Amino acid sequence: MTPVNRNKRVVAYSVNPQAPRHEVETNRALARWLAQILGWEYGDSHDPQAGHDLYLLPTQTLIGTETLMRLGV
């Protein structure tokens, strides 16, 4: 059986900084739900200073190596 990393945190990430509030809140709710299912901590919204071991839940597909590197994905 593969060991599970219980130190991970699930965080929401809004790709569009001007996203409607309902889109942002829906993504946060999904991240909370996913954290609960996985038994991980919920870390609210993505913070670039938060470090690694994050499960990033974006509102849209992330495109481009530069974006992935900036977010630490």
C-alpha atoms as a PDB file:
ATOM      1  CA  MET A   1       0.000   0.000   0.000  1.00  0.00           C
ATOM      2  CA  THR A   2       1.300   3.481  -0.895  1.00  0.00           C
ATOM      3  CA  PRO A   3       1.816   5.816   2.078  1.00  0.00           C
ATOM      4  CA  VAL A   4      -0.380   8.897   2.164  1.00  0.00           C
ATOM      5  CA  ASN A   5       1.159  12.294   2.830  1.00  0.00           C
ATOM      6  CA  ARG A   6      -1.046  13.705   5.616  1.00  0.00           C
ATOM      7  CA  ASN A   7       0.967  16.942   5.749  1.00  0.00           C
ATOM      8  CA  LYS A   8      -0.451  18.263   2.496  1.00  0.00           C
ATOM      9  CA  ARG A   9      -2.899  21.149   2.364  1.00  0.00           C
ATOM     10  CA  VAL A  10      -5.579  21.744  -0.242  1.00  0.00           C
ATOM     11  CA  VAL A  11      -5.758  25.356  -1.406  1.00  0.00           C
ATOM     12  CA  ALA A  12      -8.069  27.147  -3.815  1.00  0.00           C
ATOM     13  CA  TYR A  13      -6.599  29.233  -6.629  1.00  0.00           C
ATOM     14  CA  SER A  14      -8.546  31.686  -8.753  1.00  0.00           C
ATOM     15  CA  VAL A  15      -6.903  31.971 -12.174  1.00  0.00           C
ATOM     16  CA  ASN A  16      -8.727  35.235 -12.904  1.00  0.00           C
ATOM     17  CA  PRO A  17      -8.011  37.977 -10.325  1.00  0.00           C
ATOM     18  CA  GLN A  18     -11.293  39.683 -11.304  1.00  0.00           C
ATOM     19  CA  ALA A  19     -13.348  36.490 -10.994  1.00  0.00           C
ATOM     20  CA  PRO A  20     -16.900  36.896  -9.710  1.00  0.00           C
ATOM     21  CA  ARG A  21     -17.218  36.280  -5.969  1.00  0.00           C
ATOM     22  CA  HIS A  22     -19.485  33.252  -6.497  1.00  0.00           C
ATOM     23  CA  GLU A  23     -16.785  31.574  -8.608  1.00  0.00           C
ATOM     24  CA  VAL A  24     -14.134  32.159  -5.948  1.00  0.00           C
ATOM     25  CA  GLU A  25     -16.394  30.943  -3.127  1.00  0.00           C
ATOM     26  CA  THR A  26     -17.451  27.858  -5.087  1.00  0.00           C
ATOM     27  CA  ASN A  27     -13.797  26.968  -5.641  1.00  0.00           C
ATOM     28  CA  ARG A  28     -13.046  27.436  -1.926  1.00  0.00           C
ATOM     29  CA  ALA A  29     -15.979  25.197  -1.007  1.00  0.00           C
ATOM     30  CA  LEU A  30     -14.709  22.511  -3.400  1.00  0.00           C
ATOM     31  CA  ALA A  31     -11.216  22.771  -1.892  1.00  0.00           C
ATOM     32  CA  ARG A  32     -12.642  22.386   1.658  1.00  0.00           C
ATOM     33  CA  TRP A  33     -14.641  19.343   0.533  1.00  0.00           C
ATOM     34  CA  LEU A  34     -11.617  17.767  -1.167  1.00  0.00           C
ATOM     35  CA  ALA A  35      -9.454  18.343   1.914  1.00  0.00           C
ATOM     36  CA  GLN A  36     -12.069  16.640   4.064  1.00  0.00           C
ATOM     37  CA  ILE A  37     -12.275  13.633   1.728  1.00  0.00           C
ATOM     38  CA  LEU A  38      -8.480  13.267   1.588  1.00  0.00           C
ATOM     39  CA  GLY A  39      -8.042  13.818   5.325  1.00  0.00           C
ATOM     40  CA  TRP A  40      -5.769  16.794   4.649  1.00  0.00           C
ATOM     41  CA  GLU A  41      -5.773  20.324   5.993  1.00  0.00           C
ATOM     42  CA  TYR A  42      -7.675  23.046   4.143  1.00  0.00           C
ATOM     43  CA  GLY A  43      -5.458  26.055   3.463  1.00  0.00           C
ATOM     44  CA  ASP A  44      -7.999  28.560   2.047  1.00  0.00           C
ATOM     45  CA  SER A  45      -6.662  30.512  -0.943  1.00  0.00           C
ATOM     46  CA  HIS A  46      -3.260  29.978  -2.529  1.00  0.00           C
ATOM     47  CA  ASP A  47      -0.447  32.026  -1.027  1.00  0.00           C
ATOM     48  CA  PRO A  48       2.822  31.996  -3.019  1.00  0.00           C
ATOM     49  CA  GLN A  49       4.769  32.227   0.274  1.00  0.00           C
ATOM     50  CA  ALA A  50       3.044  29.153   1.761  1.00  0.00           C
ATOM     51  CA  GLY A  51       5.672  26.699   0.574  1.00  0.00           C
ATOM     52  CA  HIS A  52       5.219  23.308  -0.989  1.00  0.00           C
ATOM     53  CA  ASP A  53       3.184  20.197  -0.261  1.00  0.00           C
ATOM     54  CA  LEU A  54       0.093  21.970  -1.520  1.00  0.00           C
ATOM     55  CA  TYR A  55      -2.696  20.437  -3.545  1.00  0.00           C
ATOM     56  CA  LEU A  56      -3.686  23.365  -5.737  1.00  0.00           C
ATOM     57  CA  LEU A  57      -7.311  23.454  -6.905  1.00  0.00           C
ATOM     58  CA  PRO A  58      -7.489  26.071  -9.691  1.00  0.00           C
ATOM     59  CA  THR A  59     -10.692  27.541 -11.112  1.00  0.00           C
ATOM     60  CA  GLN A  60      -9.464  26.801 -14.639  1.00  0.00           C
ATOM     61  CA  THR A  61      -6.829  24.689 -16.348  1.00  0.00           C
ATOM     62  CA  LEU A  62      -3.337  26.075 -15.751  1.00  0.00           C
ATOM     63  CA  ILE A  63      -1.498  26.642 -19.014  1.00  0.00           C
ATOM     64  CA  GLY A  64       2.196  27.224 -19.598  1.00  0.00           C
ATOM     65  CA  THR A  65       5.396  26.254 -17.882  1.00  0.00           C
ATOM     66  CA  GLU A  66       5.929  29.801 -16.578  1.00  0.00           C
ATOM     67  CA  THR A  67       2.582  29.725 -14.764  1.00  0.00           C
ATOM     68  CA  LEU A  68       3.288  26.312 -13.264  1.00  0.00           C
ATOM     69  CA  MET A  69       6.748  27.362 -12.094  1.00  0.00           C
ATOM     70  CA  ARG A  70       5.423  30.608 -10.564  1.00  0.00           C
ATOM     71  CA  LEU A  71       2.804  28.664  -8.607  1.00  0.00           C
ATOM     72  CA  GLY A  72       5.187  25.890  -7.599  1.00  0.00           C
ATOM     73  CA  VAL A  73       3.191  23.182  -9.360  1.00  0.00           C
END
